[in-house]
PDB file of N, CA and C in Angstrom:
ATOM      1  N   UNK A   1       0.892  -1.182  -0.018  1.00  0.00           N
ATOM      2  CA  UNK A   1      -0.037   0.084   0.010  1.00  0.00           C
ATOM      3  C   UNK A   1       0.777   1.253  -0.047  1.00  0.00           C
ATOM      4  N   UNK A   2       0.510   2.155  -0.766  1.00  0.00           N
ATOM      5  CA  UNK A   2       1.124   3.514  -0.931  1.00  0.00           C
ATOM      6  C   UNK A   2       0.499   4.542  -0.321  1.00  0.00           C
ATOM      7  N   UNK A   3       1.121   5.269   0.421  1.00  0.00           N
ATOM      8  CA  UNK A   3       0.544   6.694   1.250  1.00  0.00           C
ATOM      9  C   UNK A   3       0.940   7.833   0.615  1.00  0.00           C
ATOM     10  N   UNK A   4      -0.031   8.661   0.675  1.00  0.00           N
ATOM     11  CA  UNK A   4       0.226   9.944  -0.021  1.00  0.00           C
ATOM     12  C   UNK A   4       0.189  10.932   1.239  1.00  0.00           C
ATOM     13  N   UNK A   5       1.476  11.584   1.454  1.00  0.00           N
ATOM     14  CA  UNK A   5       2.050  12.213   2.517  1.00  0.00           C
ATOM     15  C   UNK A   5       2.122  13.767   2.018  1.00  0.00           C
ATOM     16  N   UNK A   6       1.449  14.471   3.100  1.00  0.00           N
ATOM     17  CA  UNK A   6       1.620  16.038   2.922  1.00  0.00           C
ATOM     18  C   UNK A   6       2.649  16.477   3.782  1.00  0.00           C
ATOM     19  N   UNK A   7       3.727  17.172   3.713  1.00  0.00           N
ATOM     20  CA  UNK A   7       4.891  17.510   4.513  1.00  0.00           C
ATOM     21  C   UNK A   7       4.782  18.842   4.691  1.00  0.00           C
ATOM     22  N   UNK A   8       4.510  19.742   5.796  1.00  0.00           N
ATOM     23  CA  UNK A   8       4.424  20.980   5.768  1.00  0.00           C
ATOM     24  C   UNK A   8       5.866  21.582   6.493  1.00  0.00           C
ATOM     25  N   UNK A   9       6.713  22.170   5.912  1.00  0.00           N
ATOM     26  CA  UNK A   9       8.143  22.557   6.456  1.00  0.00           C
ATOM     27  C   UNK A   9       7.724  23.858   7.442  1.00  0.00           C
ATOM     28  N   UNK A  10       8.017  23.609   8.684  1.00  0.00           N
ATOM     29  CA  UNK A  10       7.743  24.698   9.732  1.00  0.00           C
ATOM     30  C   UNK A  10       8.810  25.867   9.698  1.00  0.00           C
ATOM     31  N   UNK A  11       9.163  26.514   8.557  1.00  0.00           N
ATOM     32  CA  UNK A  11      10.379  27.239   8.533  1.00  0.00           C
ATOM     33  C   UNK A  11      10.136  28.587   9.513  1.00  0.00           C
ATOM     34  N   UNK A  12       9.038  28.954   9.970  1.00  0.00           N
ATOM     35  CA  UNK A  12       8.724  29.966  10.905  1.00  0.00           C
ATOM     36  C   UNK A  12       9.130  29.480  12.136  1.00  0.00           C
ATOM     37  N   UNK A  13       9.070  28.221  12.483  1.00  0.00           N
ATOM     38  CA  UNK A  13       9.518  27.414  13.936  1.00  0.00           C
ATOM     39  C   UNK A  13      10.278  26.419  13.795  1.00  0.00           C
ATOM     40  N   UNK A  14      11.584  26.708  13.499  1.00  0.00           N
ATOM     41  CA  UNK A  14      12.411  25.279  13.054  1.00  0.00           C
ATOM     42  C   UNK A  14      12.387  24.178  14.129  1.00  0.00           C
ATOM     43  N   UNK A  15      11.987  24.714  15.569  1.00  0.00           N
ATOM     44  CA  UNK A  15      11.902  23.567  16.435  1.00  0.00           C
ATOM     45  C   UNK A  15      10.782  22.347  16.402  1.00  0.00           C
ATOM     46  N   UNK A  16       9.968  22.961  15.235  1.00  0.00           N
ATOM     47  CA  UNK A  16       8.901  22.082  14.975  1.00  0.00           C
ATOM     48  C   UNK A  16       9.303  20.767  14.025  1.00  0.00           C
ATOM     49  N   UNK A  17      10.319  21.221  13.415  1.00  0.00           N
ATOM     50  CA  UNK A  17      10.568  20.498  12.211  1.00  0.00           C
ATOM     51  C   UNK A  17       9.770  20.337  11.093  1.00  0.00           C
ATOM     52  N   UNK A  18       9.090  19.355  10.870  1.00  0.00           N
ATOM     53  CA  UNK A  18       8.030  19.231   9.686  1.00  0.00           C
ATOM     54  C   UNK A  18       6.903  18.496  10.193  1.00  0.00           C
ATOM     55  N   UNK A  19       5.760  18.971   9.549  1.00  0.00           N
ATOM     56  CA  UNK A  19       4.420  18.199  10.068  1.00  0.00           C
ATOM     57  C   UNK A  19       3.849  17.322   8.929  1.00  0.00           C
ATOM     58  N   UNK A  20       3.878  16.018   9.314  1.00  0.00           N
ATOM     59  CA  UNK A  20       3.511  15.077   8.090  1.00  0.00           C
ATOM     60  C   UNK A  20       2.032  14.885   8.506  1.00  0.00           C
ATOM     61  N   UNK A  21       1.296  14.656   7.259  1.00  0.00           N
ATOM     62  CA  UNK A  21      -0.051  14.113   7.579  1.00  0.00           C
ATOM     63  C   UNK A  21      -0.432  13.219   6.236  1.00  0.00           C
ATOM     64  N   UNK A  22      -0.828  12.044   6.638  1.00  0.00           N
ATOM     65  CA  UNK A  22      -1.162  10.921   5.528  1.00  0.00           C
ATOM     66  C   UNK A  22      -2.758  11.581   4.940  1.00  0.00           C
ATOM     67  N   UNK A  23      -2.559  11.697   3.747  1.00  0.00           N
ATOM     68  CA  UNK A  23      -3.767  12.312   2.883  1.00  0.00           C
ATOM     69  C   UNK A  23      -4.673  11.178   2.345  1.00  0.00           C
ATOM     70  N   UNK A  24      -4.060  10.119   1.869  1.00  0.00           N
ATOM     71  CA  UNK A  24      -4.776   8.936   1.268  1.00  0.00           C
ATOM     72  C   UNK A  24      -3.868   7.919   1.173  1.00  0.00           C
ATOM     73  N   UNK A  25      -4.409   6.596   0.908  1.00  0.00           N
ATOM     74  CA  UNK A  25      -3.651   5.468   0.498  1.00  0.00           C
ATOM     75  C   UNK A  25      -3.975   4.888  -0.786  1.00  0.00           C
ATOM     76  N   UNK A  26      -3.090   4.370  -1.468  1.00  0.00           N
ATOM     77  CA  UNK A  26      -3.381   3.779  -2.937  1.00  0.00           C
ATOM     78  C   UNK A  26      -2.629   2.497  -3.076  1.00  0.00           C
ATOM     79  N   UNK A  27      -3.379   1.579  -3.976  1.00  0.00           N
ATOM     80  CA  UNK A  27      -2.659   0.386  -4.210  1.00  0.00           C
ATOM     81  C   UNK A  27      -1.470   0.177  -5.004  1.00  0.00           C
ATOM     82  N   UNK A  28      -1.159   1.216  -5.900  1.00  0.00           N
ATOM     83  CA  UNK A  28      -0.072   1.164  -6.704  1.00  0.00           C
ATOM     84  C   UNK A  28       0.761   2.642  -6.563  1.00  0.00           C
ATOM     85  N   UNK A  29       2.004   2.438  -7.018  1.00  0.00           N
ATOM     86  CA  UNK A  29       2.948   3.780  -6.949  1.00  0.00           C
ATOM     87  C   UNK A  29       2.272   4.765  -7.967  1.00  0.00           C
ATOM     88  N   UNK A  30       1.835   4.215  -9.142  1.00  0.00           N
ATOM     89  CA  UNK A  30       1.356   4.894 -10.317  1.00  0.00           C
ATOM     90  C   UNK A  30       0.272   5.655  -9.760  1.00  0.00           C
ATOM     91  N   UNK A  31      -0.753   5.121  -9.351  1.00  0.00           N
ATOM     92  CA  UNK A  31      -2.053   5.975  -8.685  1.00  0.00           C
ATOM     93  C   UNK A  31      -1.541   7.005  -7.782  1.00  0.00           C
ATOM     94  N   UNK A  32      -0.775   6.594  -6.809  1.00  0.00           N
ATOM     95  CA  UNK A  32      -0.332   7.834  -5.786  1.00  0.00           C
ATOM     96  C   UNK A  32       0.246   8.843  -6.533  1.00  0.00           C
ATOM     97  N   UNK A  33       1.325   8.492  -7.467  1.00  0.00           N
ATOM     98  CA  UNK A  33       2.011   9.615  -8.078  1.00  0.00           C
ATOM     99  C   UNK A  33       0.954  10.385  -8.891  1.00  0.00           C
ATOM    100  N   UNK A  34       0.178   9.838  -9.627  1.00  0.00           N
ATOM    101  CA  UNK A  34      -0.872  10.682 -10.238  1.00  0.00           C
ATOM    102  C   UNK A  34      -1.548  11.524  -9.458  1.00  0.00           C
ATOM    103  N   UNK A  35      -2.255  11.168  -8.324  1.00  0.00           N
ATOM    104  CA  UNK A  35      -2.808  12.045  -7.236  1.00  0.00           C
ATOM    105  C   UNK A  35      -1.968  12.925  -6.854  1.00  0.00           C
ATOM    106  N   UNK A  36      -0.749  12.760  -6.496  1.00  0.00           N
ATOM    107  CA  UNK A  36       0.279  13.449  -5.990  1.00  0.00           C
ATOM    108  C   UNK A  36       0.638  14.760  -6.845  1.00  0.00           C
ATOM    109  N   UNK A  37       0.630  14.608  -8.148  1.00  0.00           N
ATOM    110  CA  UNK A  37       0.825  15.568  -9.104  1.00  0.00           C
ATOM    111  C   UNK A  37      -0.390  16.492  -9.425  1.00  0.00           C
ATOM    112  N   UNK A  38      -1.493  15.842  -9.327  1.00  0.00           N
ATOM    113  CA  UNK A  38      -2.812  16.499  -9.396  1.00  0.00           C
ATOM    114  C   UNK A  38      -2.861  17.555  -8.245  1.00  0.00           C
ATOM    115  N   UNK A  39      -2.628  17.002  -7.102  1.00  0.00           N
ATOM    116  CA  UNK A  39      -2.792  18.035  -5.837  1.00  0.00           C
ATOM    117  C   UNK A  39      -1.628  19.034  -5.854  1.00  0.00           C
ATOM    118  N   UNK A  40      -0.392  18.597  -6.027  1.00  0.00           N
ATOM    119  CA  UNK A  40       0.720  19.564  -6.435  1.00  0.00           C
ATOM    120  C   UNK A  40       0.391  20.804  -7.099  1.00  0.00           C
ATOM    121  N   UNK A  41      -0.126  20.511  -8.402  1.00  0.00           N
ATOM    122  CA  UNK A  41      -0.610  21.557  -9.271  1.00  0.00           C
ATOM    123  C   UNK A  41      -1.691  22.460  -8.705  1.00  0.00           C
ATOM    124  N   UNK A  42      -2.474  21.868  -8.078  1.00  0.00           N
ATOM    125  CA  UNK A  42      -3.630  22.742  -7.297  1.00  0.00           C
ATOM    126  C   UNK A  42      -3.096  23.600  -6.557  1.00  0.00           C
ATOM    127  N   UNK A  43      -2.112  23.092  -5.326  1.00  0.00           N
ATOM    128  CA  UNK A  43      -1.629  23.761  -4.381  1.00  0.00           C
ATOM    129  C   UNK A  43      -0.771  24.992  -4.685  1.00  0.00           C
ATOM    130  N   UNK A  44       0.050  24.675  -6.193  1.00  0.00           N
ATOM    131  CA  UNK A  44       0.896  25.637  -6.375  1.00  0.00           C
ATOM    132  C   UNK A  44       0.136  26.871  -7.042  1.00  0.00           C
ATOM    133  N   UNK A  45      -1.330  26.540  -7.604  1.00  0.00           N
ATOM    134  CA  UNK A  45      -2.144  27.598  -8.253  1.00  0.00           C
ATOM    135  C   UNK A  45      -2.886  28.260  -7.166  1.00  0.00           C
ATOM    136  N   UNK A  46      -3.178  27.686  -6.233  1.00  0.00           N
ATOM    137  CA  UNK A  46      -4.017  28.231  -5.009  1.00  0.00           C
ATOM    138  C   UNK A  46      -2.964  29.043  -4.293  1.00  0.00           C
ATOM    139  N   UNK A  47      -1.956  28.628  -3.968  1.00  0.00           N
ATOM    140  CA  UNK A  47      -0.912  29.509  -3.003  1.00  0.00           C
ATOM    141  C   UNK A  47       0.463  29.527  -3.885  1.00  0.00           C
ATOM    142  N   UNK A  48       0.366  30.529  -5.019  1.00  0.00           N
ATOM    143  CA  UNK A  48       1.614  30.689  -5.623  1.00  0.00           C
ATOM    144  C   UNK A  48       2.873  31.415  -4.873  1.00  0.00           C
ATOM    145  N   UNK A  49       2.718  31.878  -3.753  1.00  0.00           N
ATOM    146  CA  UNK A  49       3.912  32.378  -2.954  1.00  0.00           C
ATOM    147  C   UNK A  49       4.467  31.654  -1.758  1.00  0.00           C
ATOM    148  N   UNK A  50       3.890  30.449  -1.612  1.00  0.00           N
ATOM    149  CA  UNK A  50       4.109  29.625  -0.611  1.00  0.00           C
ATOM    150  C   UNK A  50       4.363  28.314  -0.884  1.00  0.00           C
ATOM    151  N   UNK A  51       5.529  27.843  -0.885  1.00  0.00           N
ATOM    152  CA  UNK A  51       6.235  26.414  -1.454  1.00  0.00           C
ATOM    153  C   UNK A  51       6.930  25.752  -0.259  1.00  0.00           C
ATOM    154  N   UNK A  52       6.259  26.000   0.900  1.00  0.00           N
ATOM    155  CA  UNK A  52       7.017  25.218   2.062  1.00  0.00           C
ATOM    156  C   UNK A  52       6.130  23.830   2.244  1.00  0.00           C
ATOM    157  N   UNK A  53       6.033  23.268   1.401  1.00  0.00           N
ATOM    158  CA  UNK A  53       5.324  21.942   1.234  1.00  0.00           C
ATOM    159  C   UNK A  53       5.704  20.953   0.400  1.00  0.00           C
ATOM    160  N   UNK A  54       5.647  19.624   0.755  1.00  0.00           N
ATOM    161  CA  UNK A  54       6.097  18.446  -0.315  1.00  0.00           C
ATOM    162  C   UNK A  54       4.823  17.428  -0.129  1.00  0.00           C
ATOM    163  N   UNK A  55       4.578  17.027  -1.322  1.00  0.00           N
ATOM    164  CA  UNK A  55       3.791  15.936  -1.271  1.00  0.00           C
ATOM    165  C   UNK A  55       4.374  14.645  -1.719  1.00  0.00           C
ATOM    166  N   UNK A  56       4.597  13.493  -1.133  1.00  0.00           N
ATOM    167  CA  UNK A  56       5.153  12.470  -1.449  1.00  0.00           C
ATOM    168  C   UNK A  56       4.684  11.102  -1.299  1.00  0.00           C
ATOM    169  N   UNK A  57       5.043  10.233  -2.091  1.00  0.00           N
ATOM    170  CA  UNK A  57       4.453   8.841  -1.920  1.00  0.00           C
ATOM    171  C   UNK A  57       5.195   7.938  -1.283  1.00  0.00           C
ATOM    172  N   UNK A  58       4.962   7.163  -0.331  1.00  0.00           N
ATOM    173  CA  UNK A  58       5.782   6.395   0.346  1.00  0.00           C
ATOM    174  C   UNK A  58       5.264   4.929   0.474  1.00  0.00           C
ATOM    175  N   UNK A  59       5.962   4.069   0.348  1.00  0.00           N
ATOM    176  CA  UNK A  59       5.685   2.615   0.597  1.00  0.00           C
ATOM    177  C   UNK A  59       5.227   2.330   2.234  1.00  0.00           C
ATOM    178  N   UNK A  60       4.162   1.678   2.302  1.00  0.00           N
ATOM    179  CA  UNK A  60       3.907   1.358   3.720  1.00  0.00           C
ATOM    180  C   UNK A  60       3.597  -0.221   3.770  1.00  0.00           C
ATOM    181  N   UNK A  61       4.227  -0.955   4.269  1.00  0.00           N
ATOM    182  CA  UNK A  61       3.993  -2.492   4.556  1.00  0.00           C
ATOM    183  C   UNK A  61       4.586  -2.996   5.622  1.00  0.00           C
ATOM    184  N   UNK A  62       4.268  -4.208   6.019  1.00  0.00           N
ATOM    185  CA  UNK A  62       4.677  -4.900   7.324  1.00  0.00           C
ATOM    186  C   UNK A  62       6.210  -4.764   7.470  1.00  0.00           C
ATOM    187  N   UNK A  63       6.848  -4.853   6.519  1.00  0.00           N
ATOM    188  CA  UNK A  63       8.381  -5.026   6.621  1.00  0.00           C
ATOM    189  C   UNK A  63       9.006  -3.611   6.705  1.00  0.00           C
ATOM    190  N   UNK A  64       8.256  -2.459   6.387  1.00  0.00           N
ATOM    191  CA  UNK A  64       8.588  -1.201   6.596  1.00  0.00           C
ATOM    192  C   UNK A  64       8.246  -0.517   7.972  1.00  0.00           C
ATOM    193  N   UNK A  65       7.253  -1.145   8.790  1.00  0.00           N
ATOM    194  CA  UNK A  65       6.852  -0.608   9.724  1.00  0.00           C
ATOM    195  C   UNK A  65       7.780  -0.243  11.057  1.00  0.00           C
ATOM    196  N   UNK A  66       8.898  -0.988  10.820  1.00  0.00           N
ATOM    197  CA  UNK A  66      10.101  -0.578  11.980  1.00  0.00           C
ATOM    198  C   UNK A  66      10.798   0.573  11.777  1.00  0.00           C
ATOM    199  N   UNK A  67      10.712   1.013  10.296  1.00  0.00           N
ATOM    200  CA  UNK A  67      11.637   2.039  10.101  1.00  0.00           C
ATOM    201  C   UNK A  67      10.673   3.476  10.539  1.00  0.00           C
ATOM    202  N   UNK A  68      11.449   4.280  10.822  1.00  0.00           N
ATOM    203  CA  UNK A  68      10.919   5.356  11.083  1.00  0.00           C
ATOM    204  C   UNK A  68      10.579   6.514   9.976  1.00  0.00           C
ATOM    205  N   UNK A  69      11.438   6.346   9.059  1.00  0.00           N
ATOM    206  CA  UNK A  69      11.548   7.247   7.812  1.00  0.00           C
ATOM    207  C   UNK A  69      11.355   6.068   6.777  1.00  0.00           C
ATOM    208  N   UNK A  70      10.250   5.803   6.010  1.00  0.00           N
ATOM    209  CA  UNK A  70      10.209   5.006   4.980  1.00  0.00           C
ATOM    210  C   UNK A  70      10.866   5.664   3.942  1.00  0.00           C
ATOM    211  N   UNK A  71      11.459   5.086   2.801  1.00  0.00           N
ATOM    212  CA  UNK A  71      12.113   5.549   1.782  1.00  0.00           C
ATOM    213  C   UNK A  71      11.191   6.106   0.686  1.00  0.00           C
ATOM    214  N   UNK A  72      11.319   7.303   0.191  1.00  0.00           N
ATOM    215  CA  UNK A  72      10.414   7.733  -0.793  1.00  0.00           C
ATOM    216  C   UNK A  72      10.754   7.239  -2.176  1.00  0.00           C
ATOM    217  N   UNK A  73       9.818   6.820  -2.760  1.00  0.00           N
ATOM    218  CA  UNK A  73       9.935   6.003  -4.173  1.00  0.00           C
ATOM    219  C   UNK A  73       9.448   7.045  -5.196  1.00  0.00           C
ATOM    220  N   UNK A  74      10.057   7.025  -6.345  1.00  0.00           N
ATOM    221  CA  UNK A  74       9.582   7.732  -7.436  1.00  0.00           C
ATOM    222  C   UNK A  74       9.401   6.959  -8.756  1.00  0.00           C
ATOM    223  N   UNK A  75       8.699   7.503  -9.600  1.00  0.00           N
ATOM    224  CA  UNK A  75       8.416   6.897 -10.937  1.00  0.00           C
ATOM    225  C   UNK A  75       9.532   7.132 -11.907  1.00  0.00           C
ATOM    226  N   UNK A  76      10.059   6.247 -12.790  1.00  0.00           N
ATOM    227  CA  UNK A  76      10.923   6.379 -13.814  1.00  0.00           C
ATOM    228  C   UNK A  76      10.405   6.412 -15.077  1.00  0.00           C
ATOM    229  N   UNK A  77      10.600   7.294 -15.864  1.00  0.00           N
ATOM    230  CA  UNK A  77       9.916   7.279 -17.348  1.00  0.00           C
ATOM    231  C   UNK A  77      10.601   6.519 -18.142  1.00  0.00           C
TER     232      UNK A  77
END
């Protein structure tokens, strides 16, 4: 299962680090990536001066649950 995660950089309060929120889950990387691109485009249009965020797709599986930071995966064309 792939997780679409919203990461808000707390540049105004560095002690907070980054705030992460799971937006949704997807069965494949391709479905997660297409939704990530769609939401990113909408966010950039809605907030053109604020780019302190990232949307990433991360694999969530039983073998990765022990890891505190699952590796971000990306599509190759």
